[in-house]
PDB file of N, CA and C in Angstrom:
ATOM      1  N   GLY A   1     -85.167 -86.083-127.469  1.00  0.00           N
ATOM      2  CA  GLY A   1     -86.609 -86.167-127.315  1.00  0.00           C
ATOM      3  C   GLY A   1     -87.290 -85.337-128.368  1.00  0.00           C
ATOM      4  N   GLY A   2     -88.427 -85.768-128.811  1.00  0.00           N
ATOM      5  CA  GLY A   2     -89.136 -85.071-129.878  1.00  0.00           C
ATOM      6  C   GLY A   2     -90.182 -84.127-129.333  1.00  0.00           C
ATOM      7  N   GLY A   3     -89.799 -82.891-129.090  1.00  0.00           N
ATOM      8  CA  GLY A   3     -90.747 -81.893-128.602  1.00  0.00           C
ATOM      9  C   GLY A   3     -91.417 -81.160-129.734  1.00  0.00           C
ATOM     10  N   GLY A   4     -90.822 -81.245-130.922  1.00  0.00           N
ATOM     11  CA  GLY A   4     -91.433 -80.620-132.074  1.00  0.00           C
ATOM     12  C   GLY A   4     -90.949 -79.208-132.321  1.00  0.00           C
ATOM     13  N   GLY A   5     -90.306 -78.549-131.356  1.00  0.00           N
ATOM     14  CA  GLY A   5     -89.863 -77.182-131.559  1.00  0.00           C
ATOM     15  C   GLY A   5     -88.563 -76.936-130.832  1.00  0.00           C
ATOM     16  N   PRO A   6     -88.050 -75.727-130.937  1.00  0.00           N
ATOM     17  CA  PRO A   6     -86.808 -75.399-130.246  1.00  0.00           C
ATOM     18  C   PRO A   6     -86.981 -75.539-128.722  1.00  0.00           C
ATOM     19  N   ALA A   7     -85.873 -75.801-128.049  1.00  0.00           N
ATOM     20  CA  ALA A   7     -85.927 -76.050-126.609  1.00  0.00           C
ATOM     21  C   ALA A   7     -86.481 -74.857-125.833  1.00  0.00           C
ATOM     22  N   GLY A   8     -86.199 -73.640-126.262  1.00  0.00           N
ATOM     23  CA  GLY A   8     -86.647 -72.451-125.534  1.00  0.00           C
ATOM     24  C   GLY A   8     -88.096 -72.083-125.782  1.00  0.00           C
ATOM     25  N   GLU A   9     -88.733 -72.718-126.748  1.00  0.00           N
ATOM     26  CA  GLU A   9     -90.106 -72.359-127.115  1.00  0.00           C
ATOM     27  C   GLU A   9     -91.081 -72.623-125.970  1.00  0.00           C
ATOM     28  N   LYS A  10     -90.941 -73.766-125.291  1.00  0.00           N
ATOM     29  CA  LYS A  10     -91.833 -74.111-124.189  1.00  0.00           C
ATOM     30  C   LYS A  10     -91.698 -73.088-123.061  1.00  0.00           C
ATOM     31  N   ASP A  11     -90.467 -72.683-122.752  1.00  0.00           N
ATOM     32  CA  ASP A  11     -90.234 -71.679-121.721  1.00  0.00           C
ATOM     33  C   ASP A  11     -90.902 -70.364-122.093  1.00  0.00           C
ATOM     34  N   GLN A  12     -90.846 -69.996-123.369  1.00  0.00           N
ATOM     35  CA  GLN A  12     -91.458 -68.749-123.839  1.00  0.00           C
ATOM     36  C   GLN A  12     -92.974 -68.797-123.654  1.00  0.00           C
ATOM     37  N   ILE A  13     -93.578 -69.929-124.023  1.00  0.00           N
ATOM     38  CA  ILE A  13     -95.025 -70.072-123.878  1.00  0.00           C
ATOM     39  C   ILE A  13     -95.407 -70.011-122.398  1.00  0.00           C
ATOM     40  N   ASP A  14     -94.635 -70.706-121.562  1.00  0.00           N
ATOM     41  CA  ASP A  14     -94.926 -70.711-120.131  1.00  0.00           C
ATOM     42  C   ASP A  14     -94.823 -69.313-119.534  1.00  0.00           C
ATOM     43  N   SER A  15     -93.798 -68.550-119.916  1.00  0.00           N
ATOM     44  CA  SER A  15     -93.636 -67.211-119.353  1.00  0.00           C
ATOM     45  C   SER A  15     -94.766 -66.286-119.819  1.00  0.00           C
ATOM     46  N   GLU A  16     -95.205 -66.445-121.067  1.00  0.00           N
ATOM     47  CA  GLU A  16     -96.334 -65.643-121.548  1.00  0.00           C
ATOM     48  C   GLU A  16     -97.601 -65.995-120.772  1.00  0.00           C
ATOM     49  N   LEU A  17     -97.812 -67.293-120.546  1.00  0.00           N
ATOM     50  CA  LEU A  17     -98.993 -67.741-119.813  1.00  0.00           C
ATOM     51  C   LEU A  17     -98.952 -67.240-118.368  1.00  0.00           C
ATOM     52  N   LEU A  18     -97.798 -67.355-117.740  1.00  0.00           N
ATOM     53  CA  LEU A  18     -97.667 -66.878-116.368  1.00  0.00           C
ATOM     54  C   LEU A  18     -97.921 -65.377-116.284  1.00  0.00           C
ATOM     55  N   ARG A  19     -97.389 -64.625-117.227  1.00  0.00           N
ATOM     56  CA  ARG A  19     -97.593 -63.173-117.237  1.00  0.00           C
ATOM     57  C   ARG A  19     -99.085 -62.853-117.353  1.00  0.00           C
ATOM     58  N   LYS A  20     -99.775 -63.612-118.214  1.00  0.00           N
ATOM     59  CA  LYS A  20    -101.214 -63.410-118.389  1.00  0.00           C
ATOM     60  C   LYS A  20    -101.943 -63.580-117.061  1.00  0.00           C
ATOM     61  N   TYR A  21    -101.606 -64.651-116.324  1.00  0.00           N
ATOM     62  CA  TYR A  21    -102.281 -64.903-115.051  1.00  0.00           C
ATOM     63  C   TYR A  21    -101.862 -63.918-113.968  1.00  0.00           C
ATOM     64  N   ILE A  22    -100.593 -63.537-113.935  1.00  0.00           N
ATOM     65  CA  ILE A  22    -100.114 -62.584-112.925  1.00  0.00           C
ATOM     66  C   ILE A  22    -100.832 -61.249-113.067  1.00  0.00           C
ATOM     67  N   PHE A  23    -101.056 -60.830-114.300  1.00  0.00           N
ATOM     68  CA  PHE A  23    -101.719 -59.558-114.539  1.00  0.00           C
ATOM     69  C   PHE A  23    -103.213 -59.717-114.803  1.00  0.00           C
ATOM     70  N   ALA A  24    -103.785 -60.837-114.376  1.00  0.00           N
ATOM     71  CA  ALA A  24    -105.232 -61.100-114.424  1.00  0.00           C
ATOM     72  C   ALA A  24    -105.811 -61.032-115.828  1.00  0.00           C
ATOM     73  N   GLY A  25    -105.040 -61.450-116.814  1.00  0.00           N
ATOM     74  CA  GLY A  25    -105.535 -61.476-118.187  1.00  0.00           C
ATOM     75  C   GLY A  25    -106.722 -62.408-118.330  1.00  0.00           C
ATOM     76  N   HIS A  26    -106.702 -63.515-117.581  1.00  0.00           N
ATOM     77  CA  HIS A  26    -107.810 -64.472-117.640  1.00  0.00           C
ATOM     78  C   HIS A  26    -109.090 -63.846-117.087  1.00  0.00           C
ATOM     79  N   VAL A  27    -108.962 -62.966-116.096  1.00  0.00           N
ATOM     80  CA  VAL A  27    -110.135 -62.276-115.546  1.00  0.00           C
ATOM     81  C   VAL A  27    -110.668 -61.287-116.587  1.00  0.00           C
ATOM     82  N   GLY A  28    -109.757 -60.590-117.247  1.00  0.00           N
ATOM     83  CA  GLY A  28    -110.159 -59.652-118.296  1.00  0.00           C
ATOM     84  C   GLY A  28    -110.906 -60.341-119.417  1.00  0.00           C
ATOM     85  N   GLU A  29    -110.412 -61.526-119.820  1.00  0.00           N
ATOM     86  CA  GLU A  29    -111.091 -62.283-120.868  1.00  0.00           C
ATOM     87  C   GLU A  29    -112.488 -62.690-120.418  1.00  0.00           C
ATOM     88  N   TYR A  30    -112.590 -63.123-119.151  1.00  0.00           N
ATOM     89  CA  TYR A  30    -113.900 -63.526-118.624  1.00  0.00           C
ATOM     90  C   TYR A  30    -114.833 -62.319-118.553  1.00  0.00           C
ATOM     91  N   MET A  31    -114.294 -61.153-118.196  1.00  0.00           N
ATOM     92  CA  MET A  31    -115.113 -59.936-118.167  1.00  0.00           C
ATOM     93  C   MET A  31    -115.708 -59.662-119.542  1.00  0.00           C
ATOM     94  N   GLU A  32    -114.890 -59.806-120.590  1.00  0.00           N
ATOM     95  CA  GLU A  32    -115.369 -59.555-121.956  1.00  0.00           C
ATOM     96  C   GLU A  32    -116.477 -60.534-122.342  1.00  0.00           C
ATOM     97  N   VAL A  33    -116.284 -61.809-122.005  1.00  0.00           N
ATOM     98  CA  VAL A  33    -117.282 -62.835-122.323  1.00  0.00           C
ATOM     99  C   VAL A  33    -118.585 -62.539-121.583  1.00  0.00           C
ATOM    100  N   MET A  34    -118.471 -62.236-120.288  1.00  0.00           N
ATOM    101  CA  MET A  34    -119.666 -61.952-119.487  1.00  0.00           C
ATOM    102  C   MET A  34    -120.402 -60.717-120.006  1.00  0.00           C
ATOM    103  N   GLU A  35    -119.640 -59.685-120.385  1.00  0.00           N
ATOM    104  CA  GLU A  35    -120.252 -58.448-120.860  1.00  0.00           C
ATOM    105  C   GLU A  35    -121.084 -58.702-122.117  1.00  0.00           C
ATOM    106  N   GLU A  36    -120.576 -59.585-122.989  1.00  0.00           N
ATOM    107  CA  GLU A  36    -121.292 -59.893-124.226  1.00  0.00           C
ATOM    108  C   GLU A  36    -122.490 -60.807-123.961  1.00  0.00           C
ATOM    109  N   ASP A  37    -122.297 -61.822-123.114  1.00  0.00           N
ATOM    110  CA  ASP A  37    -123.316 -62.862-122.939  1.00  0.00           C
ATOM    111  C   ASP A  37    -124.374 -62.532-121.893  1.00  0.00           C
ATOM    112  N   ASP A  38    -123.974 -61.870-120.795  1.00  0.00           N
ATOM    113  CA  ASP A  38    -124.893 -61.672-119.673  1.00  0.00           C
ATOM    114  C   ASP A  38    -124.601 -60.325-119.018  1.00  0.00           C
ATOM    115  N   GLU A  39    -125.193 -59.269-119.591  1.00  0.00           N
ATOM    116  CA  GLU A  39    -124.929 -57.893-119.134  1.00  0.00           C
ATOM    117  C   GLU A  39    -125.228 -57.712-117.646  1.00  0.00           C
ATOM    118  N   GLU A  40    -126.374 -58.239-117.185  1.00  0.00           N
ATOM    119  CA  GLU A  40    -126.742 -58.085-115.768  1.00  0.00           C
ATOM    120  C   GLU A  40    -125.780 -58.841-114.854  1.00  0.00           C
ATOM    121  N   GLY A  41    -125.460 -60.068-115.230  1.00  0.00           N
ATOM    122  CA  GLY A  41    -124.516 -60.863-114.447  1.00  0.00           C
ATOM    123  C   GLY A  41    -123.152 -60.196-114.398  1.00  0.00           C
ATOM    124  N   TYR A  42    -122.761 -59.594-115.517  1.00  0.00           N
ATOM    125  CA  TYR A  42    -121.484 -58.873-115.598  1.00  0.00           C
ATOM    126  C   TYR A  42    -121.465 -57.716-114.612  1.00  0.00           C
ATOM    127  N   LYS A  43    -122.551 -56.938-114.605  1.00  0.00           N
ATOM    128  CA  LYS A  43    -122.609 -55.772-113.710  1.00  0.00           C
ATOM    129  C   LYS A  43    -122.622 -56.194-112.250  1.00  0.00           C
ATOM    130  N   THR A  44    -123.261 -57.324-111.948  1.00  0.00           N
ATOM    131  CA  THR A  44    -123.314 -57.816-110.574  1.00  0.00           C
ATOM    132  C   THR A  44    -121.964 -58.373-110.155  1.00  0.00           C
ATOM    133  N   MET A  45    -121.404 -59.247-110.987  1.00  0.00           N
ATOM    134  CA  MET A  45    -120.155 -59.931-110.620  1.00  0.00           C
ATOM    135  C   MET A  45    -118.980 -58.970-110.527  1.00  0.00           C
ATOM    136  N   PHE A  46    -118.927 -57.989-111.420  1.00  0.00           N
ATOM    137  CA  PHE A  46    -117.770 -57.095-111.465  1.00  0.00           C
ATOM    138  C   PHE A  46    -118.112 -55.689-110.961  1.00  0.00           C
ATOM    139  N   ALA A  47    -119.066 -55.593-110.049  1.00  0.00           N
ATOM    140  CA  ALA A  47    -119.502 -54.291-109.542  1.00  0.00           C
ATOM    141  C   ALA A  47    -118.341 -53.509-108.924  1.00  0.00           C
ATOM    142  N   LYS A  48    -117.528 -54.166-108.101  1.00  0.00           N
ATOM    143  CA  LYS A  48    -116.393 -53.491-107.450  1.00  0.00           C
ATOM    144  C   LYS A  48    -115.352 -53.055-108.482  1.00  0.00           C
ATOM    145  N   TYR A  49    -115.135 -53.868-109.491  1.00  0.00           N
ATOM    146  CA  TYR A  49    -114.193 -53.511-110.553  1.00  0.00           C
ATOM    147  C   TYR A  49    -114.701 -52.272-111.289  1.00  0.00           C
ATOM    148  N   LEU A  50    -116.011 -52.273-111.613  1.00  0.00           N
ATOM    149  CA  LEU A  50    -116.581 -51.161-112.364  1.00  0.00           C
ATOM    150  C   LEU A  50    -116.562 -49.878-111.533  1.00  0.00           C
ATOM    151  N   GLU A  51    -116.789 -49.996-110.204  1.00  0.00           N
ATOM    152  CA  GLU A  51    -116.703 -48.821-109.321  1.00  0.00           C
ATOM    153  C   GLU A  51    -115.313 -48.216-109.372  1.00  0.00           C
ATOM    154  N   ALA A  52    -114.304 -49.073-109.453  1.00  0.00           N
ATOM    155  CA  ALA A  52    -112.908 -48.617-109.469  1.00  0.00           C
ATOM    156  C   ALA A  52    -112.411 -48.350-110.891  1.00  0.00           C
ATOM    157  N   ASP A  53    -113.323 -48.326-111.863  1.00  0.00           N
ATOM    158  CA  ASP A  53    -112.988 -48.086-113.274  1.00  0.00           C
ATOM    159  C   ASP A  53    -111.973 -49.091-113.817  1.00  0.00           C
ATOM    160  N   VAL A  54    -112.080 -50.339-113.378  1.00  0.00           N
ATOM    161  CA  VAL A  54    -111.220 -51.406-113.893  1.00  0.00           C
ATOM    162  C   VAL A  54    -112.005 -52.147-114.963  1.00  0.00           C
ATOM    163  N   THR A  55    -111.452 -52.169-116.172  1.00  0.00           N
ATOM    164  CA  THR A  55    -112.107 -52.861-117.279  1.00  0.00           C
ATOM    165  C   THR A  55    -111.166 -53.928-117.818  1.00  0.00           C
ATOM    166  N   ALA A  56    -111.660 -54.729-118.730  1.00  0.00           N
ATOM    167  CA  ALA A  56    -110.825 -55.762-119.350  1.00  0.00           C
ATOM    168  C   ALA A  56    -109.640 -55.116-120.073  1.00  0.00           C
ATOM    169  N   GLU A  57    -109.850 -53.909-120.612  1.00  0.00           N
ATOM    170  CA  GLU A  57    -108.798 -53.233-121.374  1.00  0.00           C
ATOM    171  C   GLU A  57    -107.673 -52.719-120.478  1.00  0.00           C
ATOM    172  N   ASN A  58    -108.007 -52.211-119.281  1.00  0.00           N
ATOM    173  CA  ASN A  58    -106.959 -51.633-118.428  1.00  0.00           C
ATOM    174  C   ASN A  58    -106.569 -52.544-117.262  1.00  0.00           C
ATOM    175  N   MET A  59    -106.934 -53.817-117.351  1.00  0.00           N
ATOM    176  CA  MET A  59    -106.644 -54.774-116.275  1.00  0.00           C
ATOM    177  C   MET A  59    -105.136 -54.875-116.000  1.00  0.00           C
ATOM    178  N   GLU A  60    -104.333 -55.037-117.044  1.00  0.00           N
ATOM    179  CA  GLU A  60    -102.880 -55.208-116.849  1.00  0.00           C
ATOM    180  C   GLU A  60    -102.267 -53.962-116.213  1.00  0.00           C
ATOM    181  N   GLU A  61    -102.652 -52.772-116.689  1.00  0.00           N
ATOM    182  CA  GLU A  61    -102.106 -51.534-116.125  1.00  0.00           C
ATOM    183  C   GLU A  61    -102.511 -51.394-114.648  1.00  0.00           C
ATOM    184  N   THR A  62    -103.752 -51.795-114.334  1.00  0.00           N
ATOM    185  CA  THR A  62    -104.229 -51.718-112.954  1.00  0.00           C
ATOM    186  C   THR A  62    -103.384 -52.600-112.051  1.00  0.00           C
ATOM    187  N   TRP A  63    -103.131 -53.832-112.482  1.00  0.00           N
ATOM    188  CA  TRP A  63    -102.346 -54.758-111.659  1.00  0.00           C
ATOM    189  C   TRP A  63    -100.892 -54.312-111.571  1.00  0.00           C
ATOM    190  N   GLU A  64    -100.351 -53.718-112.648  1.00  0.00           N
ATOM    191  CA  GLU A  64     -98.987 -53.195-112.574  1.00  0.00           C
ATOM    192  C   GLU A  64     -98.908 -52.120-111.497  1.00  0.00           C
ATOM    193  N   ALA A  65     -99.911 -51.237-111.436  1.00  0.00           N
ATOM    194  CA  ALA A  65     -99.937 -50.181-110.417  1.00  0.00           C
ATOM    195  C   ALA A  65    -100.044 -50.780-109.015  1.00  0.00           C
ATOM    196  N   VAL A  66    -100.871 -51.821-108.866  1.00  0.00           N
ATOM    197  CA  VAL A  66    -101.019 -52.491-107.569  1.00  0.00           C
ATOM    198  C   VAL A  66     -99.685 -53.086-107.133  1.00  0.00           C
ATOM    199  N   TYR A  67     -99.007 -53.777-108.049  1.00  0.00           N
ATOM    200  CA  TYR A  67     -97.724 -54.402-107.705  1.00  0.00           C
ATOM    201  C   TYR A  67     -96.675 -53.348-107.363  1.00  0.00           C
ATOM    202  N   GLU A  68     -96.710 -52.195-108.049  1.00  0.00           N
ATOM    203  CA  GLU A  68     -95.774 -51.108-107.727  1.00  0.00           C
ATOM    204  C   GLU A  68     -95.995 -50.610-106.299  1.00  0.00           C
ATOM    205  N   LYS A  69     -97.267 -50.447-105.918  1.00  0.00           N
ATOM    206  CA  LYS A  69     -97.574 -49.991-104.551  1.00  0.00           C
ATOM    207  C   LYS A  69     -97.105 -51.010-103.527  1.00  0.00           C
ATOM    208  N   ILE A  70     -97.270 -52.293-103.835  1.00  0.00           N
ATOM    209  CA  ILE A  70     -96.819 -53.346-102.919  1.00  0.00           C
ATOM    210  C   ILE A  70     -95.303 -53.300-102.789  1.00  0.00           C
ATOM    211  N   ARG A  71     -94.599 -53.126-103.907  1.00  0.00           N
ATOM    212  CA  ARG A  71     -93.130 -53.063-103.849  1.00  0.00           C
ATOM    213  C   ARG A  71     -92.664 -51.841-103.069  1.00  0.00           C
ATOM    214  N   ALA A  72     -93.413 -50.732-103.175  1.00  0.00           N
ATOM    215  CA  ALA A  72     -93.035 -49.504-102.472  1.00  0.00           C
ATOM    216  C   ALA A  72     -93.190 -49.668-100.960  1.00  0.00           C
ATOM    217  N   ALA A  73     -94.216 -50.391-100.525  1.00  0.00           N
ATOM    218  CA  ALA A  73     -94.466 -50.596 -99.092  1.00  0.00           C
ATOM    219  C   ALA A  73     -94.893 -52.043 -98.882  1.00  0.00           C
ATOM    220  N   PRO A  74     -93.919 -52.975 -98.841  1.00  0.00           N
ATOM    221  CA  PRO A  74     -94.273 -54.395 -98.770  1.00  0.00           C
ATOM    222  C   PRO A  74     -94.797 -54.877 -97.412  1.00  0.00           C
ATOM    223  N   ALA A  75     -94.672 -54.051 -96.374  1.00  0.00           N
ATOM    224  CA  ALA A  75     -95.141 -54.484 -95.055  1.00  0.00           C
ATOM    225  C   ALA A  75     -96.657 -54.633 -95.060  1.00  0.00           C
ATOM    226  N   GLN A  76     -97.137 -55.672 -94.397  1.00  0.00           N
ATOM    227  CA  GLN A  76     -98.581 -55.904 -94.342  1.00  0.00           C
ATOM    228  C   GLN A  76     -99.229 -54.836 -93.457  1.00  0.00           C
ATOM    229  N   VAL A  77    -100.277 -54.228 -93.957  1.00  0.00           N
ATOM    230  CA  VAL A  77    -100.993 -53.210 -93.209  1.00  0.00           C
ATOM    231  C   VAL A  77    -102.324 -53.807 -92.779  1.00  0.00           C
ATOM    232  N   ILE A  78    -102.545 -53.857 -91.475  1.00  0.00           N
ATOM    233  CA  ILE A  78    -103.801 -54.393 -90.953  1.00  0.00           C
ATOM    234  C   ILE A  78    -104.832 -53.270 -91.013  1.00  0.00           C
ATOM    235  N   THR A  79    -105.930 -53.538 -91.709  1.00  0.00           N
ATOM    236  CA  THR A  79    -106.971 -52.518 -91.832  1.00  0.00           C
ATOM    237  C   THR A  79    -108.105 -52.828 -90.888  1.00  0.00           C
ATOM    238  N   LYS A  80    -108.758 -51.778 -90.428  1.00  0.00           N
ATOM    239  CA  LYS A  80    -109.907 -51.925 -89.543  1.00  0.00           C
ATOM    240  C   LYS A  80    -111.097 -52.332 -90.391  1.00  0.00           C
ATOM    241  N   LYS A  81    -111.781 -53.384 -89.991  1.00  0.00           N
ATOM    242  CA  LYS A  81    -112.935 -53.866 -90.741  1.00  0.00           C
ATOM    243  C   LYS A  81    -114.122 -52.936 -90.508  1.00  0.00           C
ATOM    244  N   THR A  82    -114.888 -52.740 -91.550  1.00  0.00           N
ATOM    245  CA  THR A  82    -116.065 -51.881 -91.424  1.00  0.00           C
ATOM    246  C   THR A  82    -117.226 -52.676 -90.847  1.00  0.00           C
ATOM    247  N   LYS A  83    -118.182 -51.980 -90.286  1.00  0.00           N
ATOM    248  CA  LYS A  83    -119.319 -52.619 -89.628  1.00  0.00           C
ATOM    249  C   LYS A  83    -120.320 -53.229 -90.610  1.00  0.00           C
ATOM    250  N   ASP A  84    -120.338 -52.742 -91.860  1.00  0.00           N
ATOM    251  CA  ASP A  84    -121.371 -53.185 -92.797  1.00  0.00           C
ATOM    252  C   ASP A  84    -121.089 -54.540 -93.439  1.00  0.00           C
ATOM    253  N   GLN A  85    -120.030 -55.223 -93.020  1.00  0.00           N
ATOM    254  CA  GLN A  85    -119.777 -56.549 -93.571  1.00  0.00           C
ATOM    255  C   GLN A  85    -120.811 -57.525 -93.041  1.00  0.00           C
ATOM    256  N   LYS A  86    -121.184 -58.466 -93.903  1.00  0.00           N
ATOM    257  CA  LYS A  86    -122.202 -59.438 -93.516  1.00  0.00           C
ATOM    258  C   LYS A  86    -121.669 -60.327 -92.400  1.00  0.00           C
ATOM    259  N   ARG A  87    -122.489 -60.524 -91.405  1.00  0.00           N
ATOM    260  CA  ARG A  87    -122.126 -61.375 -90.280  1.00  0.00           C
ATOM    261  C   ARG A  87    -122.573 -62.800 -90.569  1.00  0.00           C
ATOM    262  N   LYS A  88    -121.817 -63.754 -90.062  1.00  0.00           N
ATOM    263  CA  LYS A  88    -122.241 -65.135 -90.187  1.00  0.00           C
ATOM    264  C   LYS A  88    -123.451 -65.324 -89.282  1.00  0.00           C
ATOM    265  N   SER A  89    -124.448 -66.027 -89.777  1.00  0.00           N
ATOM    266  CA  SER A  89    -125.639 -66.222 -88.968  1.00  0.00           C
ATOM    267  C   SER A  89    -125.304 -67.149 -87.810  1.00  0.00           C
ATOM    268  N   LYS A  90    -125.795 -66.772 -86.641  1.00  0.00           N
ATOM    269  CA  LYS A  90    -125.543 -67.598 -85.467  1.00  0.00           C
ATOM    270  C   LYS A  90    -126.605 -68.677 -85.374  1.00  0.00           C
ATOM    271  N   LYS A  91    -126.163 -69.867 -85.015  1.00  0.00           N
ATOM    272  CA  LYS A  91    -127.076 -70.980 -84.858  1.00  0.00           C
ATOM    273  C   LYS A  91    -127.835 -70.781 -83.551  1.00  0.00           C
ATOM    274  N   ALA A  92    -129.114 -71.072 -83.574  1.00  0.00           N
ATOM    275  CA  ALA A  92    -129.920 -70.925 -82.358  1.00  0.00           C
ATOM    276  C   ALA A  92    -129.373 -71.866 -81.286  1.00  0.00           C
ATOM    277  N   SER A  93    -129.302 -71.368 -80.065  1.00  0.00           N
ATOM    278  CA  SER A  93    -128.776 -72.200 -78.988  1.00  0.00           C
ATOM    279  C   SER A  93    -129.767 -73.317 -78.675  1.00  0.00           C
ATOM    280  N   LYS A  94    -129.226 -74.408 -78.171  1.00  0.00           N
ATOM    281  CA  LYS A  94    -130.069 -75.562 -77.885  1.00  0.00           C
ATOM    282  C   LYS A  94    -131.057 -75.250 -76.772  1.00  0.00           C
ATOM    283  N   LEU A  95    -132.237 -75.851 -76.875  1.00  0.00           N
ATOM    284  CA  LEU A  95    -133.237 -75.705 -75.827  1.00  0.00           C
ATOM    285  C   LEU A  95    -132.919 -76.702 -74.706  1.00  0.00           C
ATOM    286  N   SER A  96    -133.229 -76.299 -73.482  1.00  0.00           N
ATOM    287  CA  SER A  96    -133.037 -77.220 -72.362  1.00  0.00           C
ATOM    288  C   SER A  96    -134.161 -78.262 -72.403  1.00  0.00           C
ATOM    289  N   ALA A  97    -134.004 -79.332 -71.627  1.00  0.00           N
ATOM    290  CA  ALA A  97    -135.011 -80.402 -71.617  1.00  0.00           C
ATOM    291  C   ALA A  97    -136.404 -79.874 -71.259  1.00  0.00           C
ATOM    292  N   PRO A  98    -136.558 -79.075 -70.191  1.00  0.00           N
ATOM    293  CA  PRO A  98    -137.908 -78.560 -69.889  1.00  0.00           C
ATOM    294  C   PRO A  98    -138.472 -77.680 -71.009  1.00  0.00           C
ATOM    295  N   GLN A  99    -137.602 -76.908 -71.672  1.00  0.00           N
ATOM    296  CA  GLN A  99    -138.076 -76.063 -72.772  1.00  0.00           C
ATOM    297  C   GLN A  99    -138.564 -76.923 -73.936  1.00  0.00           C
ATOM    298  N   ARG A 100    -137.823 -78.005 -74.231  1.00  0.00           N
ATOM    299  CA  ARG A 100    -138.240 -78.912 -75.312  1.00  0.00           C
ATOM    300  C   ARG A 100    -139.577 -79.561 -74.970  1.00  0.00           C
ATOM    301  N   GLN A 101    -139.717 -80.024 -73.739  1.00  0.00           N
ATOM    302  CA  GLN A 101    -140.963 -80.681 -73.313  1.00  0.00           C
ATOM    303  C   GLN A 101    -142.141 -79.721 -73.399  1.00  0.00           C
ATOM    304  N   ASP A 102    -141.911 -78.464 -73.003  1.00  0.00           N
ATOM    305  CA  ASP A 102    -142.953 -77.443 -73.079  1.00  0.00           C
ATOM    306  C   ASP A 102    -143.335 -77.181 -74.538  1.00  0.00           C
ATOM    307  N   ARG A 103    -142.344 -77.125 -75.399  1.00  0.00           N
ATOM    308  CA  ARG A 103    -142.585 -76.876 -76.822  1.00  0.00           C
ATOM    309  C   ARG A 103    -143.413 -78.006 -77.423  1.00  0.00           C
ATOM    310  N   VAL A 104    -143.078 -79.257 -77.077  1.00  0.00           N
ATOM    311  CA  VAL A 104    -143.827 -80.409 -77.574  1.00  0.00           C
ATOM    312  C   VAL A 104    -145.277 -80.340 -77.069  1.00  0.00           C
ATOM    313  N   ALA A 105    -145.438 -79.996 -75.797  1.00  0.00           N
ATOM    314  CA  ALA A 105    -146.787 -79.893 -75.224  1.00  0.00           C
ATOM    315  C   ALA A 105    -147.603 -78.831 -75.956  1.00  0.00           C
ATOM    316  N   GLN A 106    -146.960 -77.700 -76.298  1.00  0.00           N
ATOM    317  CA  GLN A 106    -147.647 -76.634 -77.036  1.00  0.00           C
ATOM    318  C   GLN A 106    -148.053 -77.112 -78.431  1.00  0.00           C
ATOM    319  N   LYS A 107    -147.174 -77.859 -79.090  1.00  0.00           N
ATOM    320  CA  LYS A 107    -147.488 -78.370 -80.425  1.00  0.00           C
ATOM    321  C   LYS A 107    -148.659 -79.352 -80.360  1.00  0.00           C
ATOM    322  N   ILE A 108    -148.653 -80.220 -79.344  1.00  0.00           N
ATOM    323  CA  ILE A 108    -149.751 -81.184 -79.181  1.00  0.00           C
ATOM    324  C   ILE A 108    -151.063 -80.449 -78.945  1.00  0.00           C
ATOM    325  N   ALA A 109    -151.038 -79.448 -78.057  1.00  0.00           N
ATOM    326  CA  ALA A 109    -152.242 -78.671 -77.757  1.00  0.00           C
ATOM    327  C   ALA A 109    -152.745 -77.961 -79.019  1.00  0.00           C
ATOM    328  N   SER A 110    -151.835 -77.397 -79.778  1.00  0.00           N
ATOM    329  CA  SER A 110    -152.201 -76.693 -81.005  1.00  0.00           C
ATOM    330  C   SER A 110    -152.836 -77.672 -82.000  1.00  0.00           C
ATOM    331  N   HIS A 111    -152.253 -78.836 -82.117  1.00  0.00           N
ATOM    332  CA  HIS A 111    -152.776 -79.852 -83.048  1.00  0.00           C
ATOM    333  C   HIS A 111    -154.170 -80.320 -82.622  1.00  0.00           C
ATOM    334  N   LEU A 112    -154.322 -80.567 -81.321  1.00  0.00           N
ATOM    335  CA  LEU A 112    -155.628 -80.990 -80.815  1.00  0.00           C
ATOM    336  C   LEU A 112    -156.681 -79.907 -81.016  1.00  0.00           C
ATOM    337  N   ALA A 113    -156.290 -78.650 -80.849  1.00  0.00           N
ATOM    338  CA  ALA A 113    -157.221 -77.527 -81.055  1.00  0.00           C
ATOM    339  C   ALA A 113    -157.681 -77.484 -82.527  1.00  0.00           C
ATOM    340  N   LYS A 114    -156.763 -77.773 -83.437  1.00  0.00           N
ATOM    341  CA  LYS A 114    -157.122 -77.777 -84.863  1.00  0.00           C
ATOM    342  C   LYS A 114    -158.079 -78.919 -85.162  1.00  0.00           C
ATOM    343  N   LEU A 115    -157.884 -80.069 -84.511  1.00  0.00           N
ATOM    344  CA  LEU A 115    -158.755 -81.214 -84.745  1.00  0.00           C
ATOM    345  C   LEU A 115    -160.170 -80.956 -84.222  1.00  0.00           C
ATOM    346  N   ASP A 116    -160.273 -80.206 -83.122  1.00  0.00           N
ATOM    347  CA  ASP A 116    -161.577 -79.911 -82.527  1.00  0.00           C
ATOM    348  C   ASP A 116    -162.404 -78.945 -83.391  1.00  0.00           C
ATOM    349  N   GLN A 117    -161.770 -78.203 -84.226  1.00  0.00           N
ATOM    350  CA  GLN A 117    -162.509 -77.201 -85.023  1.00  0.00           C
ATOM    351  C   GLN A 117    -163.350 -77.812 -86.078  1.00  0.00           C
TER     352      GLN A 117
END
């Protein structure tokens, strides 16, 4: 088959690409682009990264440290959620038939009052 290069070349490219993604190289590249193009958007999108002093330059070292900690203690640790997390908005409960009828009557009365003015 005509691949154009040595048989091991494709494997080498794939392993380099996989390493880039495993260590969030693509995120680092996006951080650099955002920092140049949209400073405010960069600060908003990567606020947590910036708080933790994670930059495009030290992204790989940061992920290496994270993976080391995971290897040291691979058991899943359940953390207690904090109260300040945003809650999903609850949908208003349905009105009963008499409540709906009363609401319609109020709307009609309000409309008629506006017409009388």
